[in-house]
Amino acid sequence: MTRAEKVARLRALHEGPGAFVIANAWDAGSARVLAGHGFKALATSSAAAANTLGRNDGRITRGESIAHAKAIVDVTDVPVSADLEKCFADEPDAAAETIRLAAGAGLAGGSIEDATGDKAKPRYDFEAAVARVAAAARVARSVDFVLTARTENFVNGFPDLDDTIRRLQAFEKAGADVLMAPGLPDLEAVRAVCEALAKPFSFMVGIPGKSFSVKELEAVGVRRISLATSLYRAAMTALVAAATEIRDRGTFGYLEGSVSGRDFTRFMAEGRGEG
């Protein structure tokens, strides 16, 4: 499948009917497992990408992020959208160049957010945030790329629903294809955001107590459901439990519930369209 075909498929998924789940892979192997399990689109996670390199979220370079995403693109035949954080730049045109590079790596889509990564000033001012999205959208249109614009208000110390909606509406007007606001507190807040937007809204699953079922999210207007780092954390939870068992008890009970090598061989084949 060509990149153009993947972009068209990703756009069609956002058109419904209903919501679709975009599963976040953390390496080529997990991407094949997820594609083999029938997910129609995949995404990266900035935190998972950093963790695979032994670092915390926000501690990888643009080149490392795009190389990580390309490794996932190259082993699957489904569209991939990348978590590109703040697009690795403050200045709008420099941030937009990240979108051009991402498209060149085969990605069908990617995101830009309004978090600065600076603890002293954790988000861009409204005008600066909109200008960054507008610049990214101009490049996205020129290279055929599904742009997601995110406001990090609720996970960045600014739990203001009115300002969140204001920012998302401005990002929509600036040319973003999909809107996102991680950390919304409840379904009524999600409904209010969806009703305020004309373009698709992507909900982020991953926060305990603030994650809802596909059916519930569809009912309030969500069109895309991102799993963020949740699958990676689930895998690491199993790793920690197994390592703890070995260290503390000297037993290997975790083997009884493990996926077999034969199954993994099958997953790898299915994930590349051989199953």
C-alpha atoms as a PDB file:
ATOM      1  CA  MET A   1       0.000   0.000   0.000  1.00  0.00           C
ATOM      2  CA  THR A   2       1.351   3.428  -0.931  1.00  0.00           C
ATOM      3  CA  ARG A   3       1.550   6.280   1.555  1.00  0.00           C
ATOM      4  CA  ALA A   4      -1.210   8.080  -0.354  1.00  0.00           C
ATOM      5  CA  GLU A   5      -3.453   5.041   0.057  1.00  0.00           C
ATOM      6  CA  LYS A   6      -2.644   4.916   3.772  1.00  0.00           C
ATOM      7  CA  VAL A   7      -3.511   8.596   4.169  1.00  0.00           C
ATOM      8  CA  ALA A   8      -6.820   8.027   2.376  1.00  0.00           C
ATOM      9  CA  ARG A   9      -7.570   5.075   4.653  1.00  0.00           C
ATOM     10  CA  LEU A  10      -6.771   7.086   7.766  1.00  0.00           C
ATOM     11  CA  ARG A  11      -9.041   9.917   6.637  1.00  0.00           C
ATOM     12  CA  ALA A  12     -11.830   7.437   5.883  1.00  0.00           C
ATOM     13  CA  LEU A  13     -11.549   5.921   9.369  1.00  0.00           C
ATOM     14  CA  HIS A  14     -12.193   9.359  10.879  1.00  0.00           C
ATOM     15  CA  GLU A  15     -15.341   9.677   8.794  1.00  0.00           C
ATOM     16  CA  GLY A  16     -16.956   6.746  10.622  1.00  0.00           C
ATOM     17  CA  PRO A  17     -19.374   5.305  11.138  1.00  0.00           C
ATOM     18  CA  GLY A  18     -18.701   5.354  14.841  1.00  0.00           C
ATOM     19  CA  ALA A  19     -15.323   5.549  16.526  1.00  0.00           C
ATOM     20  CA  PHE A  20     -12.204   3.568  15.726  1.00  0.00           C
ATOM     21  CA  VAL A  21      -9.335   2.609  18.012  1.00  0.00           C
ATOM     22  CA  ILE A  22      -5.846   3.637  16.929  1.00  0.00           C
ATOM     23  CA  ALA A  23      -3.449   1.330  18.784  1.00  0.00           C
ATOM     24  CA  ASN A  24      -0.130   2.730  19.980  1.00  0.00           C
ATOM     25  CA  ALA A  25       2.863   0.492  19.237  1.00  0.00           C
ATOM     26  CA  TRP A  26       6.271   0.950  20.816  1.00  0.00           C
ATOM     27  CA  ASP A  27       8.462  -0.968  18.353  1.00  0.00           C
ATOM     28  CA  ALA A  28       8.285  -2.958  15.135  1.00  0.00           C
ATOM     29  CA  GLY A  29       7.351  -6.203  16.876  1.00  0.00           C
ATOM     30  CA  SER A  30       4.462  -4.721  18.839  1.00  0.00           C
ATOM     31  CA  ALA A  31       3.291  -3.025  15.633  1.00  0.00           C
ATOM     32  CA  ARG A  32       3.050  -6.378  13.869  1.00  0.00           C
ATOM     33  CA  VAL A  33       1.180  -7.921  16.791  1.00  0.00           C
ATOM     34  CA  LEU A  34      -1.332  -5.070  16.823  1.00  0.00           C
ATOM     35  CA  ALA A  35      -1.787  -5.049  13.042  1.00  0.00           C
ATOM     36  CA  GLY A  36      -2.214  -8.814  13.173  1.00  0.00           C
ATOM     37  CA  HIS A  37      -4.972  -8.365  15.743  1.00  0.00           C
ATOM     38  CA  GLY A  38      -6.987  -6.324  13.287  1.00  0.00           C
ATOM     39  CA  PHE A  39      -6.338  -2.726  14.287  1.00  0.00           C
ATOM     40  CA  LYS A  40      -6.913  -0.605  11.195  1.00  0.00           C
ATOM     41  CA  ALA A  41      -4.424   2.101  12.148  1.00  0.00           C
ATOM     42  CA  LEU A  42      -1.488   2.444  14.497  1.00  0.00           C
ATOM     43  CA  ALA A  43       0.154   5.319  16.327  1.00  0.00           C
ATOM     44  CA  THR A  44       3.349   5.933  18.205  1.00  0.00           C
ATOM     45  CA  SER A  45       3.632   7.180  21.780  1.00  0.00           C
ATOM     46  CA  SER A  46       6.269   9.747  22.665  1.00  0.00           C
ATOM     47  CA  ALA A  47       6.680   8.283  26.153  1.00  0.00           C
ATOM     48  CA  ALA A  48       6.953   4.706  24.917  1.00  0.00           C
ATOM     49  CA  ALA A  49       9.388   5.752  22.192  1.00  0.00           C
ATOM     50  CA  ALA A  50      11.605   7.432  24.784  1.00  0.00           C
ATOM     51  CA  ASN A  51      11.323   4.517  27.208  1.00  0.00           C
ATOM     52  CA  THR A  52      12.517   2.054  24.552  1.00  0.00           C
ATOM     53  CA  LEU A  53      15.715   4.111  24.469  1.00  0.00           C
ATOM     54  CA  GLY A  54      15.996   4.116  28.254  1.00  0.00           C
ATOM     55  CA  ARG A  55      14.822   7.705  28.604  1.00  0.00           C
ATOM     56  CA  ASN A  56      11.814   9.591  29.923  1.00  0.00           C
ATOM     57  CA  ASP A  57       9.156  11.287  27.813  1.00  0.00           C
ATOM     58  CA  GLY A  58      10.365  14.407  26.057  1.00  0.00           C
ATOM     59  CA  ARG A  59      13.986  13.307  26.032  1.00  0.00           C
ATOM     60  CA  ILE A  60      14.434  12.181  22.433  1.00  0.00           C
ATOM     61  CA  THR A  61      15.366  14.196  19.371  1.00  0.00           C
ATOM     62  CA  ARG A  62      13.298  14.812  16.268  1.00  0.00           C
ATOM     63  CA  GLY A  63      15.501  12.442  14.305  1.00  0.00           C
ATOM     64  CA  GLU A  64      15.131   9.702  16.895  1.00  0.00           C
ATOM     65  CA  SER A  65      11.350  10.154  17.027  1.00  0.00           C
ATOM     66  CA  ILE A  66      10.935   9.960  13.253  1.00  0.00           C
ATOM     67  CA  ALA A  67      13.311   6.995  12.976  1.00  0.00           C
ATOM     68  CA  HIS A  68      11.283   5.206  15.660  1.00  0.00           C
ATOM     69  CA  ALA A  69       8.066   5.886  13.754  1.00  0.00           C
ATOM     70  CA  LYS A  70       9.585   4.819  10.441  1.00  0.00           C
ATOM     71  CA  ALA A  71      10.556   1.442  11.931  1.00  0.00           C
ATOM     72  CA  ILE A  72       6.854   0.906  12.666  1.00  0.00           C
ATOM     73  CA  VAL A  73       5.728   2.193   9.265  1.00  0.00           C
ATOM     74  CA  ASP A  74       8.129  -0.134   7.481  1.00  0.00           C
ATOM     75  CA  VAL A  75       6.803  -3.385   8.995  1.00  0.00           C
ATOM     76  CA  THR A  76       3.040  -2.900   8.641  1.00  0.00           C
ATOM     77  CA  ASP A  77       0.565  -2.190   5.879  1.00  0.00           C
ATOM     78  CA  VAL A  78      -1.754   0.020   7.938  1.00  0.00           C
ATOM     79  CA  PRO A  79      -1.582   3.805   8.312  1.00  0.00           C
ATOM     80  CA  VAL A  80       0.576   5.108  11.156  1.00  0.00           C
ATOM     81  CA  SER A  81       0.210   8.439  12.938  1.00  0.00           C
ATOM     82  CA  ALA A  82       3.092   9.719  15.061  1.00  0.00           C
ATOM     83  CA  ASP A  83       3.084  11.443  18.430  1.00  0.00           C
ATOM     84  CA  LEU A  84       5.425  14.290  17.492  1.00  0.00           C
ATOM     85  CA  GLU A  85       5.142  16.155  20.805  1.00  0.00           C
ATOM     86  CA  LYS A  86       5.567  19.905  20.141  1.00  0.00           C
ATOM     87  CA  CYS A  87       7.157  19.068  16.768  1.00  0.00           C
ATOM     88  CA  PHE A  88      10.574  19.608  18.355  1.00  0.00           C
ATOM     89  CA  ALA A  89      10.642  23.369  17.822  1.00  0.00           C
ATOM     90  CA  ASP A  90       9.145  26.578  19.177  1.00  0.00           C
ATOM     91  CA  GLU A  91       9.119  28.666  15.997  1.00  0.00           C
ATOM     92  CA  PRO A  92       6.157  27.828  13.711  1.00  0.00           C
ATOM     93  CA  ASP A  93       8.073  27.141  10.500  1.00  0.00           C
ATOM     94  CA  ALA A  94      10.641  24.997  12.304  1.00  0.00           C
ATOM     95  CA  ALA A  95       7.843  22.986  13.910  1.00  0.00           C
ATOM     96  CA  ALA A  96       6.167  22.617  10.517  1.00  0.00           C
ATOM     97  CA  GLU A  97       9.364  21.166   9.060  1.00  0.00           C
ATOM     98  CA  THR A  98       8.820  18.207  11.396  1.00  0.00           C
ATOM     99  CA  ILE A  99       5.585  17.477   9.531  1.00  0.00           C
ATOM    100  CA  ARG A 100       7.425  17.482   6.213  1.00  0.00           C
ATOM    101  CA  LEU A 101      10.037  15.073   7.569  1.00  0.00           C
ATOM    102  CA  ALA A 102       7.357  12.822   9.047  1.00  0.00           C
ATOM    103  CA  ALA A 103       5.568  12.551   5.713  1.00  0.00           C
ATOM    104  CA  GLY A 104       8.885  11.766   4.069  1.00  0.00           C
ATOM    105  CA  ALA A 105       9.316   8.863   6.482  1.00  0.00           C
ATOM    106  CA  GLY A 106       6.032   7.338   5.271  1.00  0.00           C
ATOM    107  CA  LEU A 107       3.781   8.468   8.092  1.00  0.00           C
ATOM    108  CA  ALA A 108       0.133   9.076   7.236  1.00  0.00           C
ATOM    109  CA  GLY A 109      -0.388  11.504  10.093  1.00  0.00           C
ATOM    110  CA  GLY A 110       1.023  13.053  13.214  1.00  0.00           C
ATOM    111  CA  SER A 111       0.394  15.547  15.965  1.00  0.00           C
ATOM    112  CA  ILE A 112       1.453  18.951  17.215  1.00  0.00           C
ATOM    113  CA  GLU A 113       0.699  20.097  20.753  1.00  0.00           C
ATOM    114  CA  ASP A 114       0.665  23.326  22.741  1.00  0.00           C
ATOM    115  CA  ALA A 115       2.906  22.104  25.575  1.00  0.00           C
ATOM    116  CA  THR A 116       6.311  23.800  25.573  1.00  0.00           C
ATOM    117  CA  GLY A 117       8.259  21.298  27.675  1.00  0.00           C
ATOM    118  CA  ASP A 118       9.421  24.235  29.812  1.00  0.00           C
ATOM    119  CA  LYS A 119       8.358  23.939  33.465  1.00  0.00           C
ATOM    120  CA  ALA A 120       8.592  27.699  33.902  1.00  0.00           C
ATOM    121  CA  LYS A 121       6.115  28.262  31.059  1.00  0.00           C
ATOM    122  CA  PRO A 122       4.433  24.937  30.288  1.00  0.00           C
ATOM    123  CA  ARG A 123       2.190  25.994  27.405  1.00  0.00           C
ATOM    124  CA  TYR A 124       2.399  28.327  24.445  1.00  0.00           C
ATOM    125  CA  ASP A 125       0.332  31.507  24.568  1.00  0.00           C
ATOM    126  CA  PHE A 126      -2.885  31.281  22.589  1.00  0.00           C
ATOM    127  CA  GLU A 127      -1.659  33.233  19.559  1.00  0.00           C
ATOM    128  CA  ALA A 128       1.634  31.350  19.403  1.00  0.00           C
ATOM    129  CA  ALA A 129      -0.124  27.989  19.724  1.00  0.00           C
ATOM    130  CA  VAL A 130      -2.496  28.815  16.859  1.00  0.00           C
ATOM    131  CA  ALA A 131       0.339  30.104  14.660  1.00  0.00           C
ATOM    132  CA  ARG A 132       2.237  26.848  15.160  1.00  0.00           C
ATOM    133  CA  VAL A 133      -0.792  24.776  14.156  1.00  0.00           C
ATOM    134  CA  ALA A 134      -1.420  26.996  11.127  1.00  0.00           C
ATOM    135  CA  ALA A 135       2.168  26.544   9.918  1.00  0.00           C
ATOM    136  CA  ALA A 136       1.992  22.781  10.448  1.00  0.00           C
ATOM    137  CA  ALA A 137      -1.355  22.633   8.631  1.00  0.00           C
ATOM    138  CA  ARG A 138       0.049  24.441   5.582  1.00  0.00           C
ATOM    139  CA  VAL A 139       2.775  21.839   5.258  1.00  0.00           C
ATOM    140  CA  ALA A 140       0.335  19.000   6.001  1.00  0.00           C
ATOM    141  CA  ARG A 141      -1.884  20.103   3.118  1.00  0.00           C
ATOM    142  CA  SER A 142       1.086  20.314   0.761  1.00  0.00           C
ATOM    143  CA  VAL A 143       2.277  16.765   1.506  1.00  0.00           C
ATOM    144  CA  ASP A 144      -1.115  15.082   2.159  1.00  0.00           C
ATOM    145  CA  PHE A 145      -0.825  14.386   5.882  1.00  0.00           C
ATOM    146  CA  VAL A 146      -3.500  13.984   8.571  1.00  0.00           C
ATOM    147  CA  LEU A 147      -2.652  16.611  11.190  1.00  0.00           C
ATOM    148  CA  THR A 148      -3.827  16.239  14.777  1.00  0.00           C
ATOM    149  CA  ALA A 149      -3.653  19.367  16.954  1.00  0.00           C
ATOM    150  CA  ARG A 150      -3.610  18.860  20.714  1.00  0.00           C
ATOM    151  CA  THR A 151      -4.107  21.111  23.686  1.00  0.00           C
ATOM    152  CA  GLU A 152      -2.493  19.672  26.790  1.00  0.00           C
ATOM    153  CA  ASN A 153      -4.463  21.890  29.200  1.00  0.00           C
ATOM    154  CA  PHE A 154      -5.865  19.141  31.414  1.00  0.00           C
ATOM    155  CA  VAL A 155      -2.581  17.260  31.758  1.00  0.00           C
ATOM    156  CA  ASN A 156      -0.477  20.388  32.028  1.00  0.00           C
ATOM    157  CA  GLY A 157      -1.980  22.214  34.990  1.00  0.00           C
ATOM    158  CA  PHE A 158      -4.679  24.205  33.161  1.00  0.00           C
ATOM    159  CA  PRO A 159      -7.970  22.300  33.727  1.00  0.00           C
ATOM    160  CA  ASP A 160     -10.114  24.944  32.031  1.00  0.00           C
ATOM    161  CA  LEU A 161     -12.772  23.452  29.739  1.00  0.00           C
ATOM    162  CA  ASP A 162     -13.737  26.779  28.160  1.00  0.00           C
ATOM    163  CA  ASP A 163     -10.127  27.570  27.260  1.00  0.00           C
ATOM    164  CA  THR A 164      -9.654  24.013  25.994  1.00  0.00           C
ATOM    165  CA  ILE A 165     -12.610  24.400  23.641  1.00  0.00           C
ATOM    166  CA  ARG A 166     -11.385  27.852  22.573  1.00  0.00           C
ATOM    167  CA  ARG A 167      -7.997  26.461  21.671  1.00  0.00           C
ATOM    168  CA  LEU A 168      -9.371  23.431  19.839  1.00  0.00           C
ATOM    169  CA  GLN A 169     -11.772  25.585  17.812  1.00  0.00           C
ATOM    170  CA  ALA A 170      -8.888  27.869  16.854  1.00  0.00           C
ATOM    171  CA  PHE A 171      -6.731  24.876  15.886  1.00  0.00           C
ATOM    172  CA  GLU A 172      -9.610  23.567  13.784  1.00  0.00           C
ATOM    173  CA  LYS A 173      -9.949  26.925  12.025  1.00  0.00           C
ATOM    174  CA  ALA A 174      -6.165  26.996  11.487  1.00  0.00           C
ATOM    175  CA  GLY A 175      -6.388  23.803   9.444  1.00  0.00           C
ATOM    176  CA  ALA A 176      -5.974  20.813  11.764  1.00  0.00           C
ATOM    177  CA  ASP A 177      -7.750  17.661  10.578  1.00  0.00           C
ATOM    178  CA  VAL A 178      -8.256  16.086  14.008  1.00  0.00           C
ATOM    179  CA  LEU A 179      -8.440  17.638  17.474  1.00  0.00           C
ATOM    180  CA  MET A 180      -7.314  16.193  20.792  1.00  0.00           C
ATOM    181  CA  ALA A 181      -7.330  17.197  24.477  1.00  0.00           C
ATOM    182  CA  PRO A 182      -5.838  14.524  26.762  1.00  0.00           C
ATOM    183  CA  GLY A 183      -7.089  14.256  30.338  1.00  0.00           C
ATOM    184  CA  LEU A 184     -10.687  15.438  30.036  1.00  0.00           C
ATOM    185  CA  PRO A 185     -12.295  14.640  33.405  1.00  0.00           C
ATOM    186  CA  ASP A 186     -15.598  13.003  32.456  1.00  0.00           C
ATOM    187  CA  LEU A 187     -17.921  12.087  29.618  1.00  0.00           C
ATOM    188  CA  GLU A 188     -19.876  15.338  29.842  1.00  0.00           C
ATOM    189  CA  ALA A 189     -16.681  17.286  29.227  1.00  0.00           C
ATOM    190  CA  VAL A 190     -15.919  15.026  26.268  1.00  0.00           C
ATOM    191  CA  ARG A 191     -19.431  15.604  24.925  1.00  0.00           C
ATOM    192  CA  ALA A 192     -19.066  19.381  25.285  1.00  0.00           C
ATOM    193  CA  VAL A 193     -15.793  19.324  23.335  1.00  0.00           C
ATOM    194  CA  CYS A 194     -17.186  17.115  20.568  1.00  0.00           C
ATOM    195  CA  GLU A 195     -20.295  19.278  20.184  1.00  0.00           C
ATOM    196  CA  ALA A 196     -18.138  22.407  19.899  1.00  0.00           C
ATOM    197  CA  LEU A 197     -16.116  21.010  16.984  1.00  0.00           C
ATOM    198  CA  ALA A 198     -16.918  20.305  13.339  1.00  0.00           C
ATOM    199  CA  LYS A 199     -13.894  18.046  12.797  1.00  0.00           C
ATOM    200  CA  PRO A 200     -13.167  14.671  14.436  1.00  0.00           C
ATOM    201  CA  PHE A 201     -12.127  14.536  18.074  1.00  0.00           C
ATOM    202  CA  SER A 202      -9.610  11.959  19.321  1.00  0.00           C
ATOM    203  CA  PHE A 203      -9.924  10.785  22.927  1.00  0.00           C
ATOM    204  CA  MET A 204      -6.890   9.534  24.837  1.00  0.00           C
ATOM    205  CA  VAL A 205      -7.351   6.367  26.908  1.00  0.00           C
ATOM    206  CA  GLY A 206      -4.749   5.736  29.584  1.00  0.00           C
ATOM    207  CA  ILE A 207      -5.616   7.694  32.724  1.00  0.00           C
ATOM    208  CA  PRO A 208      -7.325   5.567  35.426  1.00  0.00           C
ATOM    209  CA  GLY A 209     -10.765   6.953  36.204  1.00  0.00           C
ATOM    210  CA  LYS A 210     -10.693   9.138  33.101  1.00  0.00           C
ATOM    211  CA  SER A 211     -10.859   6.397  30.472  1.00  0.00           C
ATOM    212  CA  PHE A 212     -14.169   5.171  29.103  1.00  0.00           C
ATOM    213  CA  SER A 213     -15.445   2.380  26.874  1.00  0.00           C
ATOM    214  CA  VAL A 214     -15.662   2.571  23.107  1.00  0.00           C
ATOM    215  CA  LYS A 215     -19.447   2.519  23.331  1.00  0.00           C
ATOM    216  CA  GLU A 216     -19.524   5.390  25.837  1.00  0.00           C
ATOM    217  CA  LEU A 217     -17.117   7.489  23.817  1.00  0.00           C
ATOM    218  CA  GLU A 218     -19.012   6.889  20.573  1.00  0.00           C
ATOM    219  CA  ALA A 219     -22.213   8.015  22.287  1.00  0.00           C
ATOM    220  CA  VAL A 220     -20.765  11.444  23.112  1.00  0.00           C
ATOM    221  CA  GLY A 221     -19.303  12.029  19.666  1.00  0.00           C
ATOM    222  CA  VAL A 222     -15.720  10.740  19.735  1.00  0.00           C
ATOM    223  CA  ARG A 223     -14.408   9.543  16.364  1.00  0.00           C
ATOM    224  CA  ARG A 224     -10.956   8.235  17.279  1.00  0.00           C
ATOM    225  CA  ILE A 225      -9.686   6.547  20.447  1.00  0.00           C
ATOM    226  CA  SER A 226      -5.966   6.613  21.167  1.00  0.00           C
ATOM    227  CA  LEU A 227      -4.425   4.172  23.634  1.00  0.00           C
ATOM    228  CA  ALA A 228      -1.414   6.412  24.385  1.00  0.00           C
ATOM    229  CA  THR A 229       1.180   4.562  26.498  1.00  0.00           C
ATOM    230  CA  SER A 230      -1.363   2.180  28.033  1.00  0.00           C
ATOM    231  CA  LEU A 231      -0.412  -0.931  26.023  1.00  0.00           C
ATOM    232  CA  TYR A 232       3.291  -0.330  26.626  1.00  0.00           C
ATOM    233  CA  ARG A 233       2.625   0.104  30.349  1.00  0.00           C
ATOM    234  CA  ALA A 234       0.554  -3.091  30.357  1.00  0.00           C
ATOM    235  CA  ALA A 235       3.464  -4.968  28.791  1.00  0.00           C
ATOM    236  CA  MET A 236       5.932  -3.469  31.262  1.00  0.00           C
ATOM    237  CA  THR A 237       3.584  -4.352  34.142  1.00  0.00           C
ATOM    238  CA  ALA A 238       3.856  -8.007  33.112  1.00  0.00           C
ATOM    239  CA  LEU A 239       7.642  -7.659  32.848  1.00  0.00           C
ATOM    240  CA  VAL A 240       7.916  -6.148  36.328  1.00  0.00           C
ATOM    241  CA  ALA A 241       5.678  -8.861  37.789  1.00  0.00           C
ATOM    242  CA  ALA A 242       7.743 -11.645  36.189  1.00  0.00           C
ATOM    243  CA  ALA A 243      11.043 -10.086  37.238  1.00  0.00           C
ATOM    244  CA  THR A 244       9.753  -9.648  40.795  1.00  0.00           C
ATOM    245  CA  GLU A 245       8.626 -13.269  40.962  1.00  0.00           C
ATOM    246  CA  ILE A 246      12.031 -14.535  39.805  1.00  0.00           C
ATOM    247  CA  ARG A 247      13.960 -12.249  42.146  1.00  0.00           C
ATOM    248  CA  ASP A 248      11.835 -12.751  45.253  1.00  0.00           C
ATOM    249  CA  ARG A 249      10.624 -16.342  44.939  1.00  0.00           C
ATOM    250  CA  GLY A 250      12.930 -18.018  42.474  1.00  0.00           C
ATOM    251  CA  THR A 251       9.950 -19.395  40.556  1.00  0.00           C
ATOM    252  CA  PHE A 252       8.749 -19.044  36.980  1.00  0.00           C
ATOM    253  CA  GLY A 253       4.978 -19.137  37.285  1.00  0.00           C
ATOM    254  CA  TYR A 254       4.641 -16.325  34.783  1.00  0.00           C
ATOM    255  CA  LEU A 255       5.440 -18.868  32.054  1.00  0.00           C
ATOM    256  CA  GLU A 256       2.056 -20.554  32.529  1.00  0.00           C
ATOM    257  CA  GLY A 257       0.188 -17.529  31.216  1.00  0.00           C
ATOM    258  CA  SER A 258       2.686 -16.420  28.601  1.00  0.00           C
ATOM    259  CA  VAL A 259       2.068 -16.283  24.867  1.00  0.00           C
ATOM    260  CA  SER A 260       3.897 -19.119  23.183  1.00  0.00           C
ATOM    261  CA  GLY A 261       6.738 -18.689  20.722  1.00  0.00           C
ATOM    262  CA  ARG A 262       4.566 -20.364  18.116  1.00  0.00           C
ATOM    263  CA  ASP A 263       1.828 -17.783  18.643  1.00  0.00           C
ATOM    264  CA  PHE A 264       4.308 -14.946  18.323  1.00  0.00           C
ATOM    265  CA  THR A 265       5.549 -16.400  15.051  1.00  0.00           C
ATOM    266  CA  ARG A 266       1.959 -16.365  13.825  1.00  0.00           C
ATOM    267  CA  PHE A 267       1.421 -12.793  15.039  1.00  0.00           C
ATOM    268  CA  MET A 268       4.505 -11.611  13.161  1.00  0.00           C
ATOM    269  CA  ALA A 269       3.207 -13.211   9.949  1.00  0.00           C
ATOM    270  CA  GLU A 270      -0.309 -11.847  10.350  1.00  0.00           C
ATOM    271  CA  GLY A 271       1.038  -8.369  11.094  1.00  0.00           C
ATOM    272  CA  ARG A 272       2.781  -8.246   7.738  1.00  0.00           C
ATOM    273  CA  GLY A 273      -0.159  -9.642   5.811  1.00  0.00           C
ATOM    274  CA  GLU A 274       1.021 -13.248   5.551  1.00  0.00           C
ATOM    275  CA  GLY A 275      -1.591 -14.768   7.838  1.00  0.00           C
END
